[in-house]
PDB file of N, CA and C in Angstrom:
ATOM      1  N   MET A   1       0.979  -0.837   0.311  1.00  0.00           N
ATOM      2  CA  MET A   1      -0.114  -0.097  -0.013  1.00  0.00           C
ATOM      3  C   MET A   1       1.328   0.935   0.085  1.00  0.00           C
ATOM      4  N   ILE A   2       2.220   1.361   0.726  1.00  0.00           N
ATOM      5  CA  ILE A   2       2.531   2.268   0.515  1.00  0.00           C
ATOM      6  C   ILE A   2       3.679   2.800  -0.808  1.00  0.00           C
ATOM      7  N   GLY A   3       3.562   3.143  -1.012  1.00  0.00           N
ATOM      8  CA  GLY A   3       5.045   3.567  -2.357  1.00  0.00           C
ATOM      9  C   GLY A   3       6.585   4.075  -1.854  1.00  0.00           C
ATOM     10  N   TYR A   4       6.725   4.261  -1.097  1.00  0.00           N
ATOM     11  CA  TYR A   4       7.774   5.401  -0.049  1.00  0.00           C
ATOM     12  C   TYR A   4       7.400   6.542   1.157  1.00  0.00           C
ATOM     13  N   THR A   5       8.046   6.562   2.033  1.00  0.00           N
ATOM     14  CA  THR A   5       7.450   7.799   2.850  1.00  0.00           C
ATOM     15  C   THR A   5       8.765   8.657   2.951  1.00  0.00           C
ATOM     16  N   CYS A   6       9.426  10.009   2.579  1.00  0.00           N
ATOM     17  CA  CYS A   6      10.365  11.091   2.472  1.00  0.00           C
ATOM     18  C   CYS A   6      10.185  11.787   3.378  1.00  0.00           C
ATOM     19  N   VAL A   7      11.020  12.161   4.192  1.00  0.00           N
ATOM     20  CA  VAL A   7      11.501  13.079   5.416  1.00  0.00           C
ATOM     21  C   VAL A   7      11.944  14.457   5.186  1.00  0.00           C
ATOM     22  N   GLY A   8      12.098  15.530   5.710  1.00  0.00           N
ATOM     23  CA  GLY A   8      12.684  16.764   4.868  1.00  0.00           C
ATOM     24  C   GLY A   8      14.062  16.394   5.446  1.00  0.00           C
ATOM     25  N   THR A   9      15.224  17.739   4.560  1.00  0.00           N
ATOM     26  CA  THR A   9      16.488  18.442   5.827  1.00  0.00           C
ATOM     27  C   THR A   9      16.464  19.377   5.238  1.00  0.00           C
ATOM     28  N   ASN A  10      17.493  19.525   5.947  1.00  0.00           N
ATOM     29  CA  ASN A  10      18.479  21.027   5.449  1.00  0.00           C
ATOM     30  C   ASN A  10      19.636  20.923   5.119  1.00  0.00           C
ATOM     31  N   ASP A  11      20.385  19.872   5.065  1.00  0.00           N
ATOM     32  CA  ASP A  11      21.836  19.561   5.169  1.00  0.00           C
ATOM     33  C   ASP A  11      22.005  17.590   3.927  1.00  0.00           C
ATOM     34  N   LEU A  12      21.581  18.368   3.056  1.00  0.00           N
ATOM     35  CA  LEU A  12      21.524  16.834   2.730  1.00  0.00           C
ATOM     36  C   LEU A  12      22.922  15.402   3.028  1.00  0.00           C
ATOM     37  N   GLU A  13      23.634  16.659   3.127  1.00  0.00           N
ATOM     38  CA  GLU A  13      25.286  15.518   3.102  1.00  0.00           C
ATOM     39  C   GLU A  13      24.770  14.905   4.023  1.00  0.00           C
ATOM     40  N   LYS A  14      24.490  15.714   5.146  1.00  0.00           N
ATOM     41  CA  LYS A  14      24.674  15.465   6.968  1.00  0.00           C
ATOM     42  C   LYS A  14      23.575  14.099   6.159  1.00  0.00           C
ATOM     43  N   ALA A  15      22.135  14.852   6.251  1.00  0.00           N
ATOM     44  CA  ALA A  15      20.955  13.598   5.863  1.00  0.00           C
ATOM     45  C   ALA A  15      22.108  12.262   5.467  1.00  0.00           C
ATOM     46  N   VAL A  16      22.312  11.953   4.179  1.00  0.00           N
ATOM     47  CA  VAL A  16      22.922  10.664   3.114  1.00  0.00           C
ATOM     48  C   VAL A  16      23.690   9.805   3.993  1.00  0.00           C
ATOM     49  N   VAL A  17      24.584  10.203   5.034  1.00  0.00           N
ATOM     50  CA  VAL A  17      25.169   9.598   5.685  1.00  0.00           C
ATOM     51  C   VAL A  17      24.129   8.651   6.770  1.00  0.00           C
ATOM     52  N   PHE A  18      23.602  10.130   7.117  1.00  0.00           N
ATOM     53  CA  PHE A  18      22.672   9.766   8.608  1.00  0.00           C
ATOM     54  C   PHE A  18      22.298   8.647   8.196  1.00  0.00           C
ATOM     55  N   TYR A  19      20.972   8.530   7.171  1.00  0.00           N
ATOM     56  CA  TYR A  19      19.871   7.896   6.874  1.00  0.00           C
ATOM     57  C   TYR A  19      21.085   6.822   6.509  1.00  0.00           C
ATOM     58  N   GLY A  20      21.521   6.608   5.107  1.00  0.00           N
ATOM     59  CA  GLY A  20      22.850   5.889   4.935  1.00  0.00           C
ATOM     60  C   GLY A  20      22.893   4.811   5.993  1.00  0.00           C
ATOM     61  N   GLU A  21      23.714   4.869   7.157  1.00  0.00           N
ATOM     62  CA  GLU A  21      23.808   4.489   7.285  1.00  0.00           C
ATOM     63  C   GLU A  21      23.215   3.001   8.574  1.00  0.00           C
ATOM     64  N   LEU A  22      22.091   4.132   8.584  1.00  0.00           N
ATOM     65  CA  LEU A  22      21.068   2.611   8.838  1.00  0.00           C
ATOM     66  C   LEU A  22      20.392   2.239   8.007  1.00  0.00           C
ATOM     67  N   LEU A  23      19.796   2.362   7.081  1.00  0.00           N
ATOM     68  CA  LEU A  23      19.119   1.973   6.559  1.00  0.00           C
ATOM     69  C   LEU A  23      20.252   0.511   5.481  1.00  0.00           C
ATOM     70  N   ASP A  24      20.705   0.843   5.623  1.00  0.00           N
ATOM     71  CA  ASP A  24      22.174  -0.373   4.952  1.00  0.00           C
ATOM     72  C   ASP A  24      22.120  -1.136   6.242  1.00  0.00           C
ATOM     73  N   MET A  25      21.648  -0.994   7.017  1.00  0.00           N
ATOM     74  CA  MET A  25      22.121  -2.036   9.159  1.00  0.00           C
ATOM     75  C   MET A  25      20.411  -2.677   7.781  1.00  0.00           C
ATOM     76  N   LEU A  26      19.353  -2.641   7.582  1.00  0.00           N
ATOM     77  CA  LEU A  26      18.483  -2.599   7.270  1.00  0.00           C
ATOM     78  C   LEU A  26      18.346  -3.774   5.850  1.00  0.00           C
ATOM     79  N   GLY A  27      19.596  -3.415   5.094  1.00  0.00           N
ATOM     80  CA  GLY A  27      19.814  -4.153   3.635  1.00  0.00           C
ATOM     81  C   GLY A  27      19.197  -2.678   2.606  1.00  0.00           C
ATOM     82  N   ALA A  28      19.120  -1.935   2.948  1.00  0.00           N
ATOM     83  CA  ALA A  28      18.652  -0.779   1.781  1.00  0.00           C
ATOM     84  C   ALA A  28      19.810  -0.067   1.600  1.00  0.00           C
ATOM     85  N   LYS A  29      19.613   0.311  -0.695  1.00  0.00           N
ATOM     86  CA  LYS A  29      20.562   0.135  -0.644  1.00  0.00           C
ATOM     87  C   LYS A  29      19.983   1.374  -1.032  1.00  0.00           C
ATOM     88  N   PRO A  30      20.990   2.264  -2.040  1.00  0.00           N
ATOM     89  CA  PRO A  30      19.438   3.732  -2.937  1.00  0.00           C
ATOM     90  C   PRO A  30      19.290   4.110  -3.921  1.00  0.00           C
ATOM     91  N   PHE A  31      18.244   3.613  -4.624  1.00  0.00           N
ATOM     92  CA  PHE A  31      17.604   3.238  -5.890  1.00  0.00           C
ATOM     93  C   PHE A  31      17.700   4.797  -6.636  1.00  0.00           C
ATOM     94  N   PHE A  32      17.261   5.840  -6.228  1.00  0.00           N
ATOM     95  CA  PHE A  32      17.565   6.842  -7.253  1.00  0.00           C
ATOM     96  C   PHE A  32      18.164   8.334  -5.640  1.00  0.00           C
ATOM     97  N   LYS A  33      18.832   9.167  -6.837  1.00  0.00           N
ATOM     98  CA  LYS A  33      19.919   9.848  -6.292  1.00  0.00           C
ATOM     99  C   LYS A  33      19.624  11.533  -7.338  1.00  0.00           C
ATOM    100  N   SER A  34      19.531  12.785  -6.616  1.00  0.00           N
ATOM    101  CA  SER A  34      19.319  13.922  -7.472  1.00  0.00           C
ATOM    102  C   SER A  34      19.975  14.812  -6.222  1.00  0.00           C
ATOM    103  N   ASP A  35      19.973  16.116  -7.302  1.00  0.00           N
ATOM    104  CA  ASP A  35      20.362  17.321  -6.603  1.00  0.00           C
ATOM    105  C   ASP A  35      19.960  17.279  -4.770  1.00  0.00           C
ATOM    106  N   ARG A  36      18.465  17.104  -4.586  1.00  0.00           N
ATOM    107  CA  ARG A  36      17.219  17.527  -4.130  1.00  0.00           C
ATOM    108  C   ARG A  36      17.686  16.133  -2.639  1.00  0.00           C
ATOM    109  N   GLY A  37      17.757  15.706  -3.012  1.00  0.00           N
ATOM    110  CA  GLY A  37      17.402  14.394  -1.812  1.00  0.00           C
ATOM    111  C   GLY A  37      17.655  13.068  -3.089  1.00  0.00           C
ATOM    112  N   VAL A  38      17.933  11.607  -2.025  1.00  0.00           N
ATOM    113  CA  VAL A  38      18.331  10.338  -1.739  1.00  0.00           C
ATOM    114  C   VAL A  38      17.088   9.040  -1.883  1.00  0.00           C
ATOM    115  N   GLY A  39      17.058   8.559  -2.460  1.00  0.00           N
ATOM    116  CA  GLY A  39      15.602   7.335  -1.500  1.00  0.00           C
ATOM    117  C   GLY A  39      16.813   5.757  -2.235  1.00  0.00           C
ATOM    118  N   TRP A  40      15.935   5.454  -0.104  1.00  0.00           N
ATOM    119  CA  TRP A  40      16.806   3.846  -0.715  1.00  0.00           C
ATOM    120  C   TRP A  40      15.325   2.583  -0.150  1.00  0.00           C
ATOM    121  N   GLY A  41      16.159   1.450  -1.104  1.00  0.00           N
ATOM    122  CA  GLY A  41      14.633   0.189  -0.484  1.00  0.00           C
ATOM    123  C   GLY A  41      15.754  -0.768  -0.857  1.00  0.00           C
ATOM    124  N   VAL A  42      14.687  -1.697  -0.283  1.00  0.00           N
ATOM    125  CA  VAL A  42      15.366  -3.632  -0.140  1.00  0.00           C
ATOM    126  C   VAL A  42      15.365  -4.061  -1.539  1.00  0.00           C
ATOM    127  N   SER A  43      14.464  -3.716  -2.720  1.00  0.00           N
ATOM    128  CA  SER A  43      13.808  -3.850  -3.470  1.00  0.00           C
ATOM    129  C   SER A  43      12.807  -3.491  -4.708  1.00  0.00           C
ATOM    130  N   PRO A  44      12.487  -2.844  -5.428  1.00  0.00           N
ATOM    131  CA  PRO A  44      11.669  -1.925  -6.210  1.00  0.00           C
ATOM    132  C   PRO A  44      10.895  -2.519  -6.197  1.00  0.00           C
ATOM    133  N   ASP A  45      10.259  -3.114  -5.749  1.00  0.00           N
ATOM    134  CA  ASP A  45       8.772  -3.928  -5.510  1.00  0.00           C
ATOM    135  C   ASP A  45       8.730  -3.880  -3.867  1.00  0.00           C
ATOM    136  N   LYS A  46       9.341  -2.953  -2.880  1.00  0.00           N
ATOM    137  CA  LYS A  46       8.392  -2.578  -1.849  1.00  0.00           C
ATOM    138  C   LYS A  46       9.319  -1.028  -1.184  1.00  0.00           C
ATOM    139  N   PRO A  47       7.891  -0.575  -0.935  1.00  0.00           N
ATOM    140  CA  PRO A  47       8.114   0.816  -0.318  1.00  0.00           C
ATOM    141  C   PRO A  47       9.729   1.008  -0.174  1.00  0.00           C
ATOM    142  N   MET A  48      10.389   2.616  -0.310  1.00  0.00           N
ATOM    143  CA  MET A  48      10.546   3.278  -0.389  1.00  0.00           C
ATOM    144  C   MET A  48      11.226   4.090   0.793  1.00  0.00           C
ATOM    145  N   PHE A  49      12.099   4.984   1.097  1.00  0.00           N
ATOM    146  CA  PHE A  49      12.279   5.308   2.315  1.00  0.00           C
ATOM    147  C   PHE A  49      13.022   6.820   0.785  1.00  0.00           C
ATOM    148  N   SER A  50      12.581   8.167   1.856  1.00  0.00           N
ATOM    149  CA  SER A  50      13.667   9.240   1.055  1.00  0.00           C
ATOM    150  C   SER A  50      13.736  10.994   1.638  1.00  0.00           C
ATOM    151  N   VAL A  51      14.866  11.396   1.767  1.00  0.00           N
ATOM    152  CA  VAL A  51      15.166  11.731   2.395  1.00  0.00           C
ATOM    153  C   VAL A  51      15.211  13.139   1.240  1.00  0.00           C
ATOM    154  N   MET A  52      15.028  14.835   1.382  1.00  0.00           N
ATOM    155  CA  MET A  52      15.319  15.621   0.345  1.00  0.00           C
ATOM    156  C   MET A  52      15.292  16.613   0.767  1.00  0.00           C
ATOM    157  N   VAL A  53      15.570  17.665   0.560  1.00  0.00           N
ATOM    158  CA  VAL A  53      15.594  18.825   0.308  1.00  0.00           C
ATOM    159  C   VAL A  53      14.152  19.768   0.407  1.00  0.00           C
ATOM    160  N   PRO A  54      13.019  20.414   0.489  1.00  0.00           N
ATOM    161  CA  PRO A  54      12.098  20.125   0.273  1.00  0.00           C
ATOM    162  C   PRO A  54      12.022  21.144  -1.594  1.00  0.00           C
ATOM    163  N   TYR A  55      11.257  21.227  -1.808  1.00  0.00           N
ATOM    164  CA  TYR A  55      11.073  21.137  -3.178  1.00  0.00           C
ATOM    165  C   TYR A  55      11.050  22.996  -3.094  1.00  0.00           C
ATOM    166  N   ASP A  56       9.866  23.444  -2.876  1.00  0.00           N
ATOM    167  CA  ASP A  56      10.100  25.422  -2.108  1.00  0.00           C
ATOM    168  C   ASP A  56      10.684  25.639  -2.005  1.00  0.00           C
ATOM    169  N   GLY A  57      11.418  25.204  -1.298  1.00  0.00           N
ATOM    170  CA  GLY A  57      13.047  26.073  -1.494  1.00  0.00           C
ATOM    171  C   GLY A  57      13.191  26.529   0.029  1.00  0.00           C
ATOM    172  N   GLN A  58      12.224  25.811   0.671  1.00  0.00           N
ATOM    173  CA  GLN A  58      11.782  26.832   2.375  1.00  0.00           C
ATOM    174  C   GLN A  58      12.889  25.568   3.115  1.00  0.00           C
ATOM    175  N   ARG A  59      12.516  25.905   4.696  1.00  0.00           N
ATOM    176  CA  ARG A  59      13.417  25.218   4.990  1.00  0.00           C
ATOM    177  C   ARG A  59      12.185  23.935   6.088  1.00  0.00           C
ATOM    178  N   ALA A  60      12.900  22.697   5.300  1.00  0.00           N
ATOM    179  CA  ALA A  60      12.860  21.485   5.925  1.00  0.00           C
ATOM    180  C   ALA A  60      12.494  21.598   7.329  1.00  0.00           C
ATOM    181  N   THR A  61      10.863  21.673   8.200  1.00  0.00           N
ATOM    182  CA  THR A  61      10.599  22.165   9.873  1.00  0.00           C
ATOM    183  C   THR A  61      10.225  20.212   9.870  1.00  0.00           C
ATOM    184  N   THR A  62      10.308  20.036  11.551  1.00  0.00           N
ATOM    185  CA  THR A  62       9.293  19.126  11.983  1.00  0.00           C
ATOM    186  C   THR A  62       7.618  18.910  12.151  1.00  0.00           C
ATOM    187  N   GLY A  63       7.862  17.942  11.354  1.00  0.00           N
ATOM    188  CA  GLY A  63       5.896  17.624  11.328  1.00  0.00           C
ATOM    189  C   GLY A  63       5.112  16.998  12.198  1.00  0.00           C
ATOM    190  N   ASN A  64       4.295  17.967  12.695  1.00  0.00           N
ATOM    191  CA  ASN A  64       4.187  17.891  14.420  1.00  0.00           C
ATOM    192  C   ASN A  64       3.672  16.477  13.332  1.00  0.00           C
ATOM    193  N   GLY A  65       2.975  15.497  14.631  1.00  0.00           N
ATOM    194  CA  GLY A  65       2.283  14.242  14.084  1.00  0.00           C
ATOM    195  C   GLY A  65       2.533  13.305  12.654  1.00  0.00           C
ATOM    196  N   THR A  66       4.068  13.361  12.768  1.00  0.00           N
ATOM    197  CA  THR A  66       4.229  12.847  11.333  1.00  0.00           C
ATOM    198  C   THR A  66       5.843  11.897  12.564  1.00  0.00           C
ATOM    199  N   MET A  67       5.376  10.452  11.830  1.00  0.00           N
ATOM    200  CA  MET A  67       6.918   9.528  11.923  1.00  0.00           C
ATOM    201  C   MET A  67       7.052   8.542  10.743  1.00  0.00           C
ATOM    202  N   VAL A  68       8.320   8.219  10.676  1.00  0.00           N
ATOM    203  CA  VAL A  68       7.815   6.887   9.540  1.00  0.00           C
ATOM    204  C   VAL A  68       8.540   5.748  10.957  1.00  0.00           C
ATOM    205  N   ALA A  69       8.281   4.964  10.934  1.00  0.00           N
ATOM    206  CA  ALA A  69       8.630   3.415  11.369  1.00  0.00           C
ATOM    207  C   ALA A  69       9.270   2.495   9.551  1.00  0.00           C
ATOM    208  N   LEU A  70      10.015   2.509  10.495  1.00  0.00           N
ATOM    209  CA  LEU A  70      11.038   1.193  10.132  1.00  0.00           C
ATOM    210  C   LEU A  70      10.973  -0.059  10.258  1.00  0.00           C
ATOM    211  N   ALA A  71      10.370  -0.775   9.127  1.00  0.00           N
ATOM    212  CA  ALA A  71      10.807  -2.450  10.251  1.00  0.00           C
ATOM    213  C   ALA A  71      11.874  -3.730   9.954  1.00  0.00           C
ATOM    214  N   ALA A  72      11.911  -4.305  11.644  1.00  0.00           N
ATOM    215  CA  ALA A  72      13.167  -4.243  12.054  1.00  0.00           C
ATOM    216  C   ALA A  72      13.395  -5.643  11.528  1.00  0.00           C
ATOM    217  N   SER A  73      13.494  -6.288  11.467  1.00  0.00           N
ATOM    218  CA  SER A  73      13.704  -7.867  12.023  1.00  0.00           C
ATOM    219  C   SER A  73      13.554  -8.736  13.574  1.00  0.00           C
ATOM    220  N   ASP A  74      13.687  -8.501  14.351  1.00  0.00           N
ATOM    221  CA  ASP A  74      13.436  -9.371  15.273  1.00  0.00           C
ATOM    222  C   ASP A  74      14.606  -8.095  17.079  1.00  0.00           C
ATOM    223  N   HIS A  75      14.226  -7.754  17.788  1.00  0.00           N
ATOM    224  CA  HIS A  75      14.562  -7.305  18.879  1.00  0.00           C
ATOM    225  C   HIS A  75      16.085  -6.675  18.804  1.00  0.00           C
ATOM    226  N   GLU A  76      16.722  -7.434  18.863  1.00  0.00           N
ATOM    227  CA  GLU A  76      17.888  -7.430  18.786  1.00  0.00           C
ATOM    228  C   GLU A  76      17.905  -5.933  17.072  1.00  0.00           C
ATOM    229  N   GLN A  77      17.803  -6.273  16.419  1.00  0.00           N
ATOM    230  CA  GLN A  77      17.903  -5.244  15.049  1.00  0.00           C
ATOM    231  C   GLN A  77      17.856  -4.022  15.988  1.00  0.00           C
ATOM    232  N   VAL A  78      16.172  -3.778  16.085  1.00  0.00           N
ATOM    233  CA  VAL A  78      16.297  -2.745  16.803  1.00  0.00           C
ATOM    234  C   VAL A  78      16.962  -1.872  17.481  1.00  0.00           C
ATOM    235  N   GLN A  79      17.353  -2.860  18.930  1.00  0.00           N
ATOM    236  CA  GLN A  79      18.492  -2.769  19.673  1.00  0.00           C
ATOM    237  C   GLN A  79      19.114  -1.878  18.802  1.00  0.00           C
ATOM    238  N   ALA A  80      20.352  -2.219  18.049  1.00  0.00           N
ATOM    239  CA  ALA A  80      21.534  -2.615  16.766  1.00  0.00           C
ATOM    240  C   ALA A  80      21.404  -0.677  16.527  1.00  0.00           C
ATOM    241  N   LEU A  81      19.945  -0.975  15.794  1.00  0.00           N
ATOM    242  CA  LEU A  81      19.335   0.733  15.151  1.00  0.00           C
ATOM    243  C   LEU A  81      19.330   1.481  15.593  1.00  0.00           C
ATOM    244  N   HIS A  82      18.733   1.879  16.934  1.00  0.00           N
ATOM    245  CA  HIS A  82      18.677   2.291  18.387  1.00  0.00           C
ATOM    246  C   HIS A  82      20.620   2.555  18.655  1.00  0.00           C
ATOM    247  N   ALA A  83      20.912   1.970  19.297  1.00  0.00           N
ATOM    248  CA  ALA A  83      22.099   2.057  19.015  1.00  0.00           C
ATOM    249  C   ALA A  83      23.017   3.408  18.012  1.00  0.00           C
ATOM    250  N   LYS A  84      23.043   2.604  16.494  1.00  0.00           N
ATOM    251  CA  LYS A  84      23.726   3.305  15.908  1.00  0.00           C
ATOM    252  C   LYS A  84      22.964   4.824  15.884  1.00  0.00           C
ATOM    253  N   ALA A  85      22.047   4.984  15.509  1.00  0.00           N
ATOM    254  CA  ALA A  85      20.966   6.582  15.681  1.00  0.00           C
ATOM    255  C   ALA A  85      21.798   7.422  16.677  1.00  0.00           C
ATOM    256  N   LEU A  86      22.020   7.042  17.641  1.00  0.00           N
ATOM    257  CA  LEU A  86      22.239   7.264  19.015  1.00  0.00           C
ATOM    258  C   LEU A  86      24.075   8.091  18.640  1.00  0.00           C
ATOM    259  N   SER A  87      24.712   6.856  17.881  1.00  0.00           N
ATOM    260  CA  SER A  87      25.962   7.777  17.820  1.00  0.00           C
ATOM    261  C   SER A  87      25.733   8.033  16.395  1.00  0.00           C
ATOM    262  N   LEU A  88      25.372   8.740  15.310  1.00  0.00           N
ATOM    263  CA  LEU A  88      24.899   9.188  14.859  1.00  0.00           C
ATOM    264  C   LEU A  88      24.482  10.700  14.726  1.00  0.00           C
ATOM    265  N   GLY A  89      24.570  10.910  16.470  1.00  0.00           N
ATOM    266  CA  GLY A  89      24.428  11.909  16.763  1.00  0.00           C
ATOM    267  C   GLY A  89      22.341  11.583  17.076  1.00  0.00           C
ATOM    268  N   ALA A  90      21.659  11.287  16.917  1.00  0.00           N
ATOM    269  CA  ALA A  90      19.552  11.532  17.526  1.00  0.00           C
ATOM    270  C   ALA A  90      20.014  11.302  18.450  1.00  0.00           C
ATOM    271  N   SER A  91      18.983  11.945  18.470  1.00  0.00           N
ATOM    272  CA  SER A  91      18.227  12.619  20.656  1.00  0.00           C
ATOM    273  C   SER A  91      17.073  10.350  20.887  1.00  0.00           C
ATOM    274  N   ASP A  92      17.618  10.041  21.791  1.00  0.00           N
ATOM    275  CA  ASP A  92      17.104   9.429  22.968  1.00  0.00           C
ATOM    276  C   ASP A  92      15.730   9.578  23.218  1.00  0.00           C
ATOM    277  N   GLU A  93      14.388   8.974  22.618  1.00  0.00           N
ATOM    278  CA  GLU A  93      13.247   9.115  23.155  1.00  0.00           C
ATOM    279  C   GLU A  93      12.447   8.190  24.170  1.00  0.00           C
ATOM    280  N   VAL A  94      11.598   8.684  24.466  1.00  0.00           N
ATOM    281  CA  VAL A  94      10.953   7.684  26.197  1.00  0.00           C
ATOM    282  C   VAL A  94      10.668   6.673  25.287  1.00  0.00           C
ATOM    283  N   LEU A  95       9.757   6.536  24.052  1.00  0.00           N
ATOM    284  CA  LEU A  95       8.906   4.706  23.954  1.00  0.00           C
ATOM    285  C   LEU A  95      10.030   4.574  23.668  1.00  0.00           C
ATOM    286  N   ARG A  96       9.966   3.723  24.358  1.00  0.00           N
ATOM    287  CA  ARG A  96      11.027   2.405  23.758  1.00  0.00           C
ATOM    288  C   ARG A  96      11.015   1.270  25.049  1.00  0.00           C
ATOM    289  N   GLY A  97      10.610   0.110  23.963  1.00  0.00           N
ATOM    290  CA  GLY A  97      10.085  -1.245  24.972  1.00  0.00           C
ATOM    291  C   GLY A  97      10.042  -2.064  24.039  1.00  0.00           C
ATOM    292  N   GLN A  98      10.194  -3.904  24.823  1.00  0.00           N
ATOM    293  CA  GLN A  98       9.315  -4.712  24.635  1.00  0.00           C
ATOM    294  C   GLN A  98       8.517  -5.458  25.348  1.00  0.00           C
ATOM    295  N   GLY A  99       7.853  -6.560  24.193  1.00  0.00           N
ATOM    296  CA  GLY A  99       6.337  -6.836  24.092  1.00  0.00           C
ATOM    297  C   GLY A  99       6.587  -8.181  23.658  1.00  0.00           C
ATOM    298  N   GLU A 100       5.466  -8.993  24.104  1.00  0.00           N
ATOM    299  CA  GLU A 100       5.044  -9.889  23.410  1.00  0.00           C
ATOM    300  C   GLU A 100       4.635  -9.764  21.897  1.00  0.00           C
ATOM    301  N   ALA A 101       4.175  -8.840  21.832  1.00  0.00           N
ATOM    302  CA  ALA A 101       3.855  -8.552  20.525  1.00  0.00           C
ATOM    303  C   ALA A 101       5.128  -7.230  19.864  1.00  0.00           C
ATOM    304  N   ILE A 102       5.859  -6.829  20.219  1.00  0.00           N
ATOM    305  CA  ILE A 102       6.258  -5.883  19.751  1.00  0.00           C
ATOM    306  C   ILE A 102       7.446  -5.564  20.609  1.00  0.00           C
ATOM    307  N   SER A 103       8.170  -4.724  19.354  1.00  0.00           N
ATOM    308  CA  SER A 103       9.526  -3.900  20.350  1.00  0.00           C
ATOM    309  C   SER A 103      10.033  -3.339  19.425  1.00  0.00           C
ATOM    310  N   MET A 104      10.839  -1.772  20.173  1.00  0.00           N
ATOM    311  CA  MET A 104       9.956  -0.112  19.503  1.00  0.00           C
ATOM    312  C   MET A 104      11.405   0.187  20.098  1.00  0.00           C
ATOM    313  N   ALA A 105      11.162   0.617  19.485  1.00  0.00           N
ATOM    314  CA  ALA A 105      12.828   2.160  19.372  1.00  0.00           C
ATOM    315  C   ALA A 105      12.031   3.760  18.526  1.00  0.00           C
ATOM    316  N   HIS A 106      12.420   4.401  19.686  1.00  0.00           N
ATOM    317  CA  HIS A 106      12.010   5.659  19.047  1.00  0.00           C
ATOM    318  C   HIS A 106      12.686   6.673  19.145  1.00  0.00           C
ATOM    319  N   ILE A 107      13.966   7.612  18.172  1.00  0.00           N
ATOM    320  CA  ILE A 107      14.483   8.427  17.730  1.00  0.00           C
ATOM    321  C   ILE A 107      14.393   9.547  17.195  1.00  0.00           C
ATOM    322  N   PHE A 108      14.886  10.701  18.171  1.00  0.00           N
ATOM    323  CA  PHE A 108      14.500  12.268  16.945  1.00  0.00           C
ATOM    324  C   PHE A 108      16.176  12.415  16.403  1.00  0.00           C
ATOM    325  N   GLU A 109      15.292  12.537  15.002  1.00  0.00           N
ATOM    326  CA  GLU A 109      17.066  13.301  14.311  1.00  0.00           C
ATOM    327  C   GLU A 109      17.006  14.227  13.906  1.00  0.00           C
ATOM    328  N   THR A 110      17.709  14.597  14.546  1.00  0.00           N
ATOM    329  CA  THR A 110      18.061  16.477  14.531  1.00  0.00           C
ATOM    330  C   THR A 110      19.522  17.000  14.453  1.00  0.00           C
ATOM    331  N   GLN A 111      19.823  15.904  12.942  1.00  0.00           N
ATOM    332  CA  GLN A 111      21.306  17.186  12.498  1.00  0.00           C
ATOM    333  C   GLN A 111      21.067  17.370  11.787  1.00  0.00           C
ATOM    334  N   THR A 112      19.611  17.678  10.830  1.00  0.00           N
ATOM    335  CA  THR A 112      19.275  18.280   9.462  1.00  0.00           C
ATOM    336  C   THR A 112      18.701  18.751   8.845  1.00  0.00           C
ATOM    337  N   ALA A 113      17.758  18.162  10.332  1.00  0.00           N
ATOM    338  CA  ALA A 113      16.098  19.062   9.771  1.00  0.00           C
ATOM    339  C   ALA A 113      15.450  17.967  12.097  1.00  0.00           C
ATOM    340  N   THR A 114      13.966  17.562  11.689  1.00  0.00           N
ATOM    341  CA  THR A 114      14.134  17.786  12.998  1.00  0.00           C
ATOM    342  C   THR A 114      12.261  16.264  12.996  1.00  0.00           C
ATOM    343  N   ASN A 115      13.142  15.369  11.856  1.00  0.00           N
ATOM    344  CA  ASN A 115      12.223  13.962  12.046  1.00  0.00           C
ATOM    345  C   ASN A 115      12.012  12.796  13.196  1.00  0.00           C
ATOM    346  N   TRP A 116      11.050  12.165  13.131  1.00  0.00           N
ATOM    347  CA  TRP A 116      11.000  10.869  14.524  1.00  0.00           C
ATOM    348  C   TRP A 116      10.857   9.863  13.571  1.00  0.00           C
ATOM    349  N   LEU A 117      11.623   9.195  14.026  1.00  0.00           N
ATOM    350  CA  LEU A 117      12.229   7.741  13.409  1.00  0.00           C
ATOM    351  C   LEU A 117      12.196   6.630  14.341  1.00  0.00           C
ATOM    352  N   PHE A 118      11.409   5.620  14.430  1.00  0.00           N
ATOM    353  CA  PHE A 118      10.471   4.745  15.133  1.00  0.00           C
ATOM    354  C   PHE A 118      11.236   3.534  14.490  1.00  0.00           C
ATOM    355  N   PHE A 119      12.232   2.054  15.339  1.00  0.00           N
ATOM    356  CA  PHE A 119      11.972   0.536  14.324  1.00  0.00           C
ATOM    357  C   PHE A 119      11.251   0.120  15.659  1.00  0.00           C
ATOM    358  N   ALA A 120      11.042  -0.353  15.047  1.00  0.00           N
ATOM    359  CA  ALA A 120      10.032  -1.846  15.473  1.00  0.00           C
ATOM    360  C   ALA A 120       9.781  -3.001  14.779  1.00  0.00           C
ATOM    361  N   CYS A 121       9.253  -4.507  15.840  1.00  0.00           N
ATOM    362  CA  CYS A 121       9.509  -5.433  14.637  1.00  0.00           C
ATOM    363  C   CYS A 121       8.335  -6.315  15.872  1.00  0.00           C
ATOM    364  N   ARG A 122       7.466  -6.818  15.283  1.00  0.00           N
ATOM    365  CA  ARG A 122       6.426  -7.135  15.136  1.00  0.00           C
ATOM    366  C   ARG A 122       6.572  -8.909  14.876  1.00  0.00           C
ATOM    367  N   ALA A 123       6.451  -9.231  16.631  1.00  0.00           N
ATOM    368  CA  ALA A 123       6.690 -11.014  16.300  1.00  0.00           C
ATOM    369  C   ALA A 123       4.951 -11.508  16.158  1.00  0.00           C
ATOM    370  N   SER A 124       5.558 -12.771  15.498  1.00  0.00           N
ATOM    371  CA  SER A 124       4.698 -13.567  14.302  1.00  0.00           C
ATOM    372  C   SER A 124       2.831 -13.794  15.726  1.00  0.00           C
ATOM    373  N   LEU A 125       2.255 -13.953  15.646  1.00  0.00           N
ATOM    374  CA  LEU A 125       0.989 -14.370  16.397  1.00  0.00           C
ATOM    375  C   LEU A 125       0.915 -15.284  15.962  1.00  0.00           C
TER     376      LEU A 125
END
């Protein structure tokens, strides 16, 4: 159902490093590159994640209520992604945990804009 997600940035170079390193851990590779952004994916028939400089030339700002969830394979990968994001300069957020049905971690990326990311995996029920 989802074709792609896109978050804004005010520093494309830093954003490409930040998201590129995280998405590499999920097996994603760049599918497109332009002077305004980069999009990563795991295959052409799966949703893509992209980071772009806003089309209108204005500053990228926080989308109130906007969040992107990146699917992880298991709890260990959630924890590894969370740790990597923190090492890349993201802020730790309170909403973390592991339950019977879900393992999750929130981060707030403020290096290049102000974007929420959520790493999650669901247990098979």
